[in-house]
C-alpha atoms as a PDB file:
ATOM      1  CA  UNK A   1     -13.617  10.890  23.302  1.00  0.00           C
ATOM      2  CA  UNK A   2     -11.177   8.038  22.833  1.00  0.00           C
ATOM      3  CA  UNK A   3      -7.504   7.981  23.779  1.00  0.00           C
ATOM      4  CA  UNK A   4      -4.869   6.098  21.835  1.00  0.00           C
ATOM      5  CA  UNK A   5      -3.581   3.212  24.006  1.00  0.00           C
ATOM      6  CA  UNK A   6       0.087   4.027  23.280  1.00  0.00           C
ATOM      7  CA  UNK A   7       1.150   0.457  22.690  1.00  0.00           C
ATOM      8  CA  UNK A   8       4.651  -0.721  23.418  1.00  0.00           C
ATOM      9  CA  UNK A   9       6.397  -0.467  20.017  1.00  0.00           C
ATOM     10  CA  UNK A  10       7.752  -3.983  20.539  1.00  0.00           C
ATOM     11  CA  UNK A  11       5.209  -6.762  20.064  1.00  0.00           C
ATOM     12  CA  UNK A  12       7.525  -9.418  21.498  1.00  0.00           C
ATOM     13  CA  UNK A  13      10.457  -8.985  23.877  1.00  0.00           C
ATOM     14  CA  UNK A  14      12.880 -11.729  24.863  1.00  0.00           C
ATOM     15  CA  UNK A  15      15.681 -10.202  26.870  1.00  0.00           C
ATOM     16  CA  UNK A  16      17.348  -7.570  24.706  1.00  0.00           C
ATOM     17  CA  UNK A  17      15.753  -9.038  21.587  1.00  0.00           C
ATOM     18  CA  UNK A  18      12.555  -7.409  20.347  1.00  0.00           C
ATOM     19  CA  UNK A  19      10.197  -7.822  17.408  1.00  0.00           C
ATOM     20  CA  UNK A  20       8.457  -4.535  16.653  1.00  0.00           C
ATOM     21  CA  UNK A  21       4.823  -4.289  15.651  1.00  0.00           C
ATOM     22  CA  UNK A  22       5.559  -2.778  12.263  1.00  0.00           C
ATOM     23  CA  UNK A  23       7.966  -5.582  11.406  1.00  0.00           C
ATOM     24  CA  UNK A  24       5.344  -8.092  12.522  1.00  0.00           C
ATOM     25  CA  UNK A  25       2.770  -6.404  10.267  1.00  0.00           C
ATOM     26  CA  UNK A  26       5.152  -6.752   7.325  1.00  0.00           C
ATOM     27  CA  UNK A  27       5.482 -10.473   8.067  1.00  0.00           C
ATOM     28  CA  UNK A  28       1.693 -10.830   8.234  1.00  0.00           C
ATOM     29  CA  UNK A  29       1.339  -8.990   4.918  1.00  0.00           C
ATOM     30  CA  UNK A  30       3.865 -11.290   3.242  1.00  0.00           C
ATOM     31  CA  UNK A  31       2.204 -14.389   4.733  1.00  0.00           C
ATOM     32  CA  UNK A  32      -1.250 -13.402   3.442  1.00  0.00           C
ATOM     33  CA  UNK A  33       0.267 -12.764   0.004  1.00  0.00           C
ATOM     34  CA  UNK A  34       1.467 -16.362  -0.142  1.00  0.00           C
ATOM     35  CA  UNK A  35      -1.720 -17.849   1.331  1.00  0.00           C
ATOM     36  CA  UNK A  36      -4.163 -15.927  -0.856  1.00  0.00           C
ATOM     37  CA  UNK A  37      -1.809 -16.176  -3.812  1.00  0.00           C
ATOM     38  CA  UNK A  38      -1.942 -19.950  -3.582  1.00  0.00           C
ATOM     39  CA  UNK A  39      -5.735 -19.730  -3.871  1.00  0.00           C
ATOM     40  CA  UNK A  40      -5.390 -17.417  -6.875  1.00  0.00           C
ATOM     41  CA  UNK A  41      -3.086 -19.700  -8.855  1.00  0.00           C
ATOM     42  CA  UNK A  42      -5.330 -22.714  -8.235  1.00  0.00           C
ATOM     43  CA  UNK A  43      -7.892 -21.189 -10.599  1.00  0.00           C
ATOM     44  CA  UNK A  44      -8.083 -23.042 -13.919  1.00  0.00           C
ATOM     45  CA  UNK A  45      -6.993 -19.996 -15.933  1.00  0.00           C
ATOM     46  CA  UNK A  46      -3.725 -19.707 -13.978  1.00  0.00           C
ATOM     47  CA  UNK A  47      -3.112 -23.433 -13.966  1.00  0.00           C
ATOM     48  CA  UNK A  48      -3.415 -23.294 -17.748  1.00  0.00           C
ATOM     49  CA  UNK A  49      -0.653 -20.679 -17.746  1.00  0.00           C
ATOM     50  CA  UNK A  50       1.536 -22.939 -15.608  1.00  0.00           C
ATOM     51  CA  UNK A  51       1.712 -20.804 -12.466  1.00  0.00           C
ATOM     52  CA  UNK A  52       3.349 -22.510  -9.468  1.00  0.00           C
ATOM     53  CA  UNK A  53       3.968 -21.726  -5.802  1.00  0.00           C
ATOM     54  CA  UNK A  54       7.613 -21.092  -6.679  1.00  0.00           C
ATOM     55  CA  UNK A  55       6.421 -18.257  -8.924  1.00  0.00           C
ATOM     56  CA  UNK A  56       4.637 -16.701  -5.941  1.00  0.00           C
ATOM     57  CA  UNK A  57       7.782 -16.905  -3.820  1.00  0.00           C
ATOM     58  CA  UNK A  58       9.835 -15.261  -6.569  1.00  0.00           C
ATOM     59  CA  UNK A  59       7.168 -12.583  -6.974  1.00  0.00           C
ATOM     60  CA  UNK A  60       7.157 -11.899  -3.244  1.00  0.00           C
ATOM     61  CA  UNK A  61      10.937 -11.554  -3.124  1.00  0.00           C
ATOM     62  CA  UNK A  62      10.942  -9.118  -6.056  1.00  0.00           C
ATOM     63  CA  UNK A  63       7.990  -7.240  -4.586  1.00  0.00           C
ATOM     64  CA  UNK A  64       9.657  -6.827  -1.190  1.00  0.00           C
ATOM     65  CA  UNK A  65      12.700  -5.267  -2.835  1.00  0.00           C
ATOM     66  CA  UNK A  66      10.409  -2.997  -4.856  1.00  0.00           C
ATOM     67  CA  UNK A  67       8.444  -1.901  -1.777  1.00  0.00           C
ATOM     68  CA  UNK A  68      11.508  -1.112   0.343  1.00  0.00           C
ATOM     69  CA  UNK A  69      13.687   0.543  -2.305  1.00  0.00           C
ATOM     70  CA  UNK A  70      10.826   2.278  -4.105  1.00  0.00           C
ATOM     71  CA  UNK A  71       9.131   3.353  -0.888  1.00  0.00           C
ATOM     72  CA  UNK A  72      12.291   4.932   0.463  1.00  0.00           C
ATOM     73  CA  UNK A  73      13.327   6.625  -2.769  1.00  0.00           C
ATOM     74  CA  UNK A  74       9.757   7.789  -3.357  1.00  0.00           C
ATOM     75  CA  UNK A  75       9.683   9.447   0.060  1.00  0.00           C
ATOM     76  CA  UNK A  76      12.937  11.275  -0.613  1.00  0.00           C
ATOM     77  CA  UNK A  77      11.783  12.474  -4.054  1.00  0.00           C
ATOM     78  CA  UNK A  78       8.104  13.218  -3.417  1.00  0.00           C
ATOM     79  CA  UNK A  79       8.188  14.616   0.109  1.00  0.00           C
ATOM     80  CA  UNK A  80      11.663  15.926   1.052  1.00  0.00           C
ATOM     81  CA  UNK A  81      13.776  16.272  -2.113  1.00  0.00           C
ATOM     82  CA  UNK A  82      15.531  19.441  -0.936  1.00  0.00           C
ATOM     83  CA  UNK A  83      16.714  17.893   2.323  1.00  0.00           C
ATOM     84  CA  UNK A  84      17.937  14.642   0.803  1.00  0.00           C
ATOM     85  CA  UNK A  85      19.719  16.403  -2.072  1.00  0.00           C
ATOM     86  CA  UNK A  86      21.851  18.146   0.522  1.00  0.00           C
ATOM     87  CA  UNK A  87      22.060  15.081   2.832  1.00  0.00           C
ATOM     88  CA  UNK A  88      22.208  12.125   0.374  1.00  0.00           C
ATOM     89  CA  UNK A  89      23.659   9.676   2.909  1.00  0.00           C
ATOM     90  CA  UNK A  90      20.544  10.118   5.062  1.00  0.00           C
ATOM     91  CA  UNK A  91      18.590   8.256   2.380  1.00  0.00           C
ATOM     92  CA  UNK A  92      20.160   5.091   3.785  1.00  0.00           C
ATOM     93  CA  UNK A  93      18.865   5.780   7.312  1.00  0.00           C
ATOM     94  CA  UNK A  94      15.669   3.781   6.875  1.00  0.00           C
ATOM     95  CA  UNK A  95      15.507   3.168  10.633  1.00  0.00           C
ATOM     96  CA  UNK A  96      14.603   6.850  11.066  1.00  0.00           C
ATOM     97  CA  UNK A  97      11.376   6.311   9.102  1.00  0.00           C
ATOM     98  CA  UNK A  98      10.123   7.792   5.870  1.00  0.00           C
ATOM     99  CA  UNK A  99       8.401   5.533   3.328  1.00  0.00           C
ATOM    100  CA  UNK A 100       6.009   6.458   0.524  1.00  0.00           C
ATOM    101  CA  UNK A 101       3.240   4.163  -0.698  1.00  0.00           C
ATOM    102  CA  UNK A 102       3.321   5.717  -4.150  1.00  0.00           C
ATOM    103  CA  UNK A 103       7.087   5.240  -4.354  1.00  0.00           C
ATOM    104  CA  UNK A 104       6.682   1.664  -3.177  1.00  0.00           C
ATOM    105  CA  UNK A 105       4.046   1.141  -5.858  1.00  0.00           C
ATOM    106  CA  UNK A 106       6.465   2.310  -8.549  1.00  0.00           C
ATOM    107  CA  UNK A 107       9.086  -0.046  -7.133  1.00  0.00           C
ATOM    108  CA  UNK A 108       6.634  -2.949  -7.229  1.00  0.00           C
ATOM    109  CA  UNK A 109       5.661  -2.117 -10.823  1.00  0.00           C
ATOM    110  CA  UNK A 110       9.308  -2.334 -11.839  1.00  0.00           C
ATOM    111  CA  UNK A 111       9.605  -5.653  -9.974  1.00  0.00           C
ATOM    112  CA  UNK A 112       6.526  -7.003 -11.779  1.00  0.00           C
ATOM    113  CA  UNK A 113       7.926  -5.866 -15.129  1.00  0.00           C
ATOM    114  CA  UNK A 114      11.196  -7.704 -14.379  1.00  0.00           C
ATOM    115  CA  UNK A 115       9.316 -10.838 -13.341  1.00  0.00           C
ATOM    116  CA  UNK A 116       7.106 -10.750 -16.451  1.00  0.00           C
ATOM    117  CA  UNK A 117      10.202 -10.583 -18.668  1.00  0.00           C
ATOM    118  CA  UNK A 118      11.840 -13.399 -16.704  1.00  0.00           C
ATOM    119  CA  UNK A 119       8.767 -15.602 -17.081  1.00  0.00           C
ATOM    120  CA  UNK A 120       8.205 -14.622 -20.719  1.00  0.00           C
ATOM    121  CA  UNK A 121       4.705 -13.258 -20.118  1.00  0.00           C
ATOM    122  CA  UNK A 122       3.098  -9.822 -20.180  1.00  0.00           C
ATOM    123  CA  UNK A 123       3.190  -7.239 -17.409  1.00  0.00           C
ATOM    124  CA  UNK A 124      -0.596  -7.066 -16.993  1.00  0.00           C
ATOM    125  CA  UNK A 125      -0.991 -10.843 -16.694  1.00  0.00           C
ATOM    126  CA  UNK A 126       1.311 -10.631 -13.664  1.00  0.00           C
ATOM    127  CA  UNK A 127      -0.203  -7.447 -12.222  1.00  0.00           C
ATOM    128  CA  UNK A 128      -3.752  -8.842 -12.563  1.00  0.00           C
ATOM    129  CA  UNK A 129      -2.702 -11.861 -10.520  1.00  0.00           C
ATOM    130  CA  UNK A 130      -1.072  -9.746  -7.814  1.00  0.00           C
ATOM    131  CA  UNK A 131      -3.561  -6.845  -7.545  1.00  0.00           C
ATOM    132  CA  UNK A 132      -6.166  -8.615  -5.337  1.00  0.00           C
ATOM    133  CA  UNK A 133      -3.405  -9.688  -2.938  1.00  0.00           C
ATOM    134  CA  UNK A 134      -2.170  -6.159  -2.224  1.00  0.00           C
ATOM    135  CA  UNK A 135      -5.014  -4.446  -0.268  1.00  0.00           C
ATOM    136  CA  UNK A 136      -5.056  -6.933   2.596  1.00  0.00           C
ATOM    137  CA  UNK A 137      -1.317  -6.447   2.955  1.00  0.00           C
ATOM    138  CA  UNK A 138      -1.891  -2.687   3.059  1.00  0.00           C
ATOM    139  CA  UNK A 139      -4.463  -3.250   5.821  1.00  0.00           C
ATOM    140  CA  UNK A 140      -1.772  -4.827   7.995  1.00  0.00           C
ATOM    141  CA  UNK A 141       0.478  -1.849   7.293  1.00  0.00           C
ATOM    142  CA  UNK A 142      -2.217   0.629   8.387  1.00  0.00           C
ATOM    143  CA  UNK A 143      -2.799  -1.427  11.523  1.00  0.00           C
ATOM    144  CA  UNK A 144       0.914  -1.041  12.226  1.00  0.00           C
ATOM    145  CA  UNK A 145       0.573   2.718  11.734  1.00  0.00           C
ATOM    146  CA  UNK A 146      -2.268   2.809  14.264  1.00  0.00           C
ATOM    147  CA  UNK A 147      -0.422   0.716  16.845  1.00  0.00           C
ATOM    148  CA  UNK A 148       2.622   2.976  16.502  1.00  0.00           C
ATOM    149  CA  UNK A 149       0.427   6.066  16.816  1.00  0.00           C
ATOM    150  CA  UNK A 150       1.739   7.566  13.565  1.00  0.00           C
ATOM    151  CA  UNK A 151       0.058   9.156  10.533  1.00  0.00           C
ATOM    152  CA  UNK A 152      -2.675  10.525  12.766  1.00  0.00           C
ATOM    153  CA  UNK A 153      -5.702  12.431  11.520  1.00  0.00           C
ATOM    154  CA  UNK A 154      -6.861  16.035  11.464  1.00  0.00           C
ATOM    155  CA  UNK A 155      -8.750  17.532  14.435  1.00  0.00           C
ATOM    156  CA  UNK A 156     -12.331  16.270  14.728  1.00  0.00           C
ATOM    157  CA  UNK A 157     -15.346  16.503  17.024  1.00  0.00           C
ATOM    158  CA  UNK A 158     -16.860  13.189  15.932  1.00  0.00           C
ATOM    159  CA  UNK A 159     -17.804  10.703  18.691  1.00  0.00           C
ATOM    160  CA  UNK A 160     -14.993   8.345  17.680  1.00  0.00           C
ATOM    161  CA  UNK A 161     -12.330  11.064  17.527  1.00  0.00           C
ATOM    162  CA  UNK A 162      -9.170   9.999  19.301  1.00  0.00           C
ATOM    163  CA  UNK A 163      -6.489  11.820  21.255  1.00  0.00           C
ATOM    164  CA  UNK A 164      -2.947  10.806  20.367  1.00  0.00           C
ATOM    165  CA  UNK A 165      -1.036  11.804  23.531  1.00  0.00           C
ATOM    166  CA  UNK A 166       2.321  11.587  21.774  1.00  0.00           C
ATOM    167  CA  UNK A 167       1.125  14.423  19.507  1.00  0.00           C
ATOM    168  CA  UNK A 168      -1.120  16.721  21.574  1.00  0.00           C
ATOM    169  CA  UNK A 169      -4.396  16.693  23.495  1.00  0.00           C
ATOM    170  CA  UNK A 170      -6.621  17.478  20.482  1.00  0.00           C
ATOM    171  CA  UNK A 171      -9.201  14.840  19.433  1.00  0.00           C
ATOM    172  CA  UNK A 172      -8.374  13.687  15.908  1.00  0.00           C
ATOM    173  CA  UNK A 173      -9.657  11.376  13.198  1.00  0.00           C
ATOM    174  CA  UNK A 174      -8.196   7.866  13.592  1.00  0.00           C
ATOM    175  CA  UNK A 175      -7.298   8.108   9.902  1.00  0.00           C
ATOM    176  CA  UNK A 176      -5.163   4.971  10.031  1.00  0.00           C
ATOM    177  CA  UNK A 177      -8.349   2.987  10.742  1.00  0.00           C
ATOM    178  CA  UNK A 178     -10.161   4.716   7.887  1.00  0.00           C
ATOM    179  CA  UNK A 179      -7.389   3.661   5.519  1.00  0.00           C
ATOM    180  CA  UNK A 180      -7.301   0.134   6.951  1.00  0.00           C
ATOM    181  CA  UNK A 181     -11.027  -0.244   6.270  1.00  0.00           C
ATOM    182  CA  UNK A 182     -11.096   1.559   2.903  1.00  0.00           C
ATOM    183  CA  UNK A 183      -7.963   0.896   0.866  1.00  0.00           C
ATOM    184  CA  UNK A 184      -7.381  -2.296   2.834  1.00  0.00           C
ATOM    185  CA  UNK A 185     -10.394  -4.460   3.635  1.00  0.00           C
ATOM    186  CA  UNK A 186     -13.093  -2.883   1.430  1.00  0.00           C
ATOM    187  CA  UNK A 187     -10.890  -2.660  -1.653  1.00  0.00           C
ATOM    188  CA  UNK A 188      -9.538  -6.153  -0.989  1.00  0.00           C
ATOM    189  CA  UNK A 189     -13.015  -7.706  -0.851  1.00  0.00           C
ATOM    190  CA  UNK A 190     -14.158  -5.851  -3.990  1.00  0.00           C
ATOM    191  CA  UNK A 191     -11.056  -6.892  -5.924  1.00  0.00           C
ATOM    192  CA  UNK A 192     -11.264 -10.488  -4.749  1.00  0.00           C
ATOM    193  CA  UNK A 193     -14.886 -10.807  -5.893  1.00  0.00           C
ATOM    194  CA  UNK A 194     -14.232  -8.966  -9.170  1.00  0.00           C
ATOM    195  CA  UNK A 195     -11.153 -11.038 -10.017  1.00  0.00           C
ATOM    196  CA  UNK A 196     -12.938 -14.336  -9.337  1.00  0.00           C
ATOM    197  CA  UNK A 197     -14.315 -14.089 -12.863  1.00  0.00           C
ATOM    198  CA  UNK A 198     -12.433 -13.609 -16.108  1.00  0.00           C
ATOM    199  CA  UNK A 199     -11.887 -10.088 -17.413  1.00  0.00           C
ATOM    200  CA  UNK A 200      -9.823  -8.494 -20.130  1.00  0.00           C
ATOM    201  CA  UNK A 201      -6.143  -8.407 -19.283  1.00  0.00           C
ATOM    202  CA  UNK A 202      -5.421  -5.201 -17.394  1.00  0.00           C
ATOM    203  CA  UNK A 203      -8.884  -4.604 -15.977  1.00  0.00           C
ATOM    204  CA  UNK A 204      -8.189  -6.096 -12.538  1.00  0.00           C
ATOM    205  CA  UNK A 205      -5.075  -3.927 -12.311  1.00  0.00           C
ATOM    206  CA  UNK A 206      -7.153  -0.958 -13.428  1.00  0.00           C
ATOM    207  CA  UNK A 207      -9.724  -1.550 -10.697  1.00  0.00           C
ATOM    208  CA  UNK A 208      -6.955  -1.667  -8.103  1.00  0.00           C
ATOM    209  CA  UNK A 209      -5.507   1.672  -9.254  1.00  0.00           C
ATOM    210  CA  UNK A 210      -8.940   3.270  -9.450  1.00  0.00           C
ATOM    211  CA  UNK A 211     -10.147   1.854  -6.128  1.00  0.00           C
ATOM    212  CA  UNK A 212      -6.995   2.632  -4.193  1.00  0.00           C
ATOM    213  CA  UNK A 213      -6.768   6.110  -5.686  1.00  0.00           C
ATOM    214  CA  UNK A 214     -10.343   6.956  -4.669  1.00  0.00           C
ATOM    215  CA  UNK A 215     -10.084   5.441  -1.166  1.00  0.00           C
ATOM    216  CA  UNK A 216      -6.766   7.144  -0.442  1.00  0.00           C
ATOM    217  CA  UNK A 217      -7.902  10.474  -1.928  1.00  0.00           C
ATOM    218  CA  UNK A 218     -10.952  10.538   0.355  1.00  0.00           C
ATOM    219  CA  UNK A 219      -9.024   9.353   3.432  1.00  0.00           C
ATOM    220  CA  UNK A 220      -6.535  12.189   2.976  1.00  0.00           C
ATOM    221  CA  UNK A 221      -9.275  14.671   3.920  1.00  0.00           C
ATOM    222  CA  UNK A 222      -9.174  13.138   7.416  1.00  0.00           C
ATOM    223  CA  UNK A 223      -5.402  12.620   7.594  1.00  0.00           C
ATOM    224  CA  UNK A 224      -3.101  15.335   8.917  1.00  0.00           C
ATOM    225  CA  UNK A 225      -0.852  16.589   6.093  1.00  0.00           C
ATOM    226  CA  UNK A 226       2.892  16.319   6.579  1.00  0.00           C
ATOM    227  CA  UNK A 227       3.970  19.327   8.645  1.00  0.00           C
ATOM    228  CA  UNK A 228       6.850  20.178   6.303  1.00  0.00           C
ATOM    229  CA  UNK A 229       4.533  20.206   3.261  1.00  0.00           C
ATOM    230  CA  UNK A 230       1.084  21.213   4.420  1.00  0.00           C
ATOM    231  CA  UNK A 231      -1.605  21.447   1.772  1.00  0.00           C
ATOM    232  CA  UNK A 232      -0.619  22.113  -1.820  1.00  0.00           C
ATOM    233  CA  UNK A 233      -2.527  23.449  -4.847  1.00  0.00           C
ATOM    234  CA  UNK A 234      -6.346  23.463  -4.639  1.00  0.00           C
ATOM    235  CA  UNK A 235      -6.048  22.650  -0.952  1.00  0.00           C
ATOM    236  CA  UNK A 236      -5.026  19.067  -1.667  1.00  0.00           C
ATOM    237  CA  UNK A 237      -2.293  17.096   0.078  1.00  0.00           C
ATOM    238  CA  UNK A 238       0.685  15.501  -1.637  1.00  0.00           C
ATOM    239  CA  UNK A 239      -0.972  12.110  -1.154  1.00  0.00           C
ATOM    240  CA  UNK A 240      -4.076  13.319  -3.003  1.00  0.00           C
ATOM    241  CA  UNK A 241      -2.090  14.742  -5.906  1.00  0.00           C
ATOM    242  CA  UNK A 242      -0.212  11.456  -6.238  1.00  0.00           C
ATOM    243  CA  UNK A 243      -3.564   9.626  -6.371  1.00  0.00           C
ATOM    244  CA  UNK A 244      -4.803  11.629  -9.360  1.00  0.00           C
ATOM    245  CA  UNK A 245      -2.672   9.814 -11.999  1.00  0.00           C
ATOM    246  CA  UNK A 246      -3.576   6.494 -10.374  1.00  0.00           C
ATOM    247  CA  UNK A 247      -7.293   7.230 -10.755  1.00  0.00           C
ATOM    248  CA  UNK A 248      -6.922   8.415 -14.359  1.00  0.00           C
ATOM    249  CA  UNK A 249      -4.806   5.442 -15.425  1.00  0.00           C
ATOM    250  CA  UNK A 250      -7.151   3.065 -13.596  1.00  0.00           C
ATOM    251  CA  UNK A 251     -10.098   4.458 -15.553  1.00  0.00           C
ATOM    252  CA  UNK A 252      -8.103   4.055 -18.767  1.00  0.00           C
ATOM    253  CA  UNK A 253      -7.327   0.401 -18.055  1.00  0.00           C
ATOM    254  CA  UNK A 254     -10.914  -0.336 -17.055  1.00  0.00           C
ATOM    255  CA  UNK A 255     -12.505   1.256 -20.118  1.00  0.00           C
ATOM    256  CA  UNK A 256      -9.985   1.574 -22.931  1.00  0.00           C
ATOM    257  CA  UNK A 257      -7.629  -1.368 -22.748  1.00  0.00           C
ATOM    258  CA  UNK A 258      -7.469  -2.835 -26.229  1.00  0.00           C
ATOM    259  CA  UNK A 259      -6.448  -6.408 -25.498  1.00  0.00           C
ATOM    260  CA  UNK A 260      -9.264  -8.909 -26.036  1.00  0.00           C
ATOM    261  CA  UNK A 261      -7.508 -11.730 -24.214  1.00  0.00           C
ATOM    262  CA  UNK A 262      -8.879 -12.681 -20.828  1.00  0.00           C
ATOM    263  CA  UNK A 263      -7.279 -13.993 -17.670  1.00  0.00           C
END
């Protein structure tokens, strides 16, 4: 049986100044976006479209706004709408926690749509460029979850089950690590290899939606549902239900997208 190390939430302390692990993970995610993005736009097909490093910086800025605003609003709407309808000012208390990946995804999609209009291109040309850069950023986020000892798993008797002392003394799935490996590293490698060749516009985005939806859906079986929600219809969690439209739309983009142009 393993025991969570209970890391200091601050990665760096200098006097009263502290940089927290989760903030550091965000910085690492943004840095890898720029580094891997630079490799992406060096491909001949993106050079032909005139992509520059400045475009990546603009995309990152828009994406950060989408992640933060969408993630927060998504959490309030998907997970605790009743509470936040009666306490609307608490939506602004982001320091108390509460972010939703699916809400952040919607925020990013809106940011990509805005950027595509600004650059006079199509949404899926932009999303196909960005999709392979997202999973590795998610991996850093899940590492931050593990370090903080949050989003722990369901009880388990597996050899690698872990006790999270801040929760209880029950061995649990280290579900943050499952998500880091699945929707982070595994999906990132698959998308990177797949996107290295030309495909119909929209297919790379479709593979991301399909791959993330499947990885997250499966990981949710090991992740403890939110206490205030529990399991919903068919014994599925809110996270699993939110993955269903992602999987369906990903399949649609992979198999039925009509555009013949490639990128």
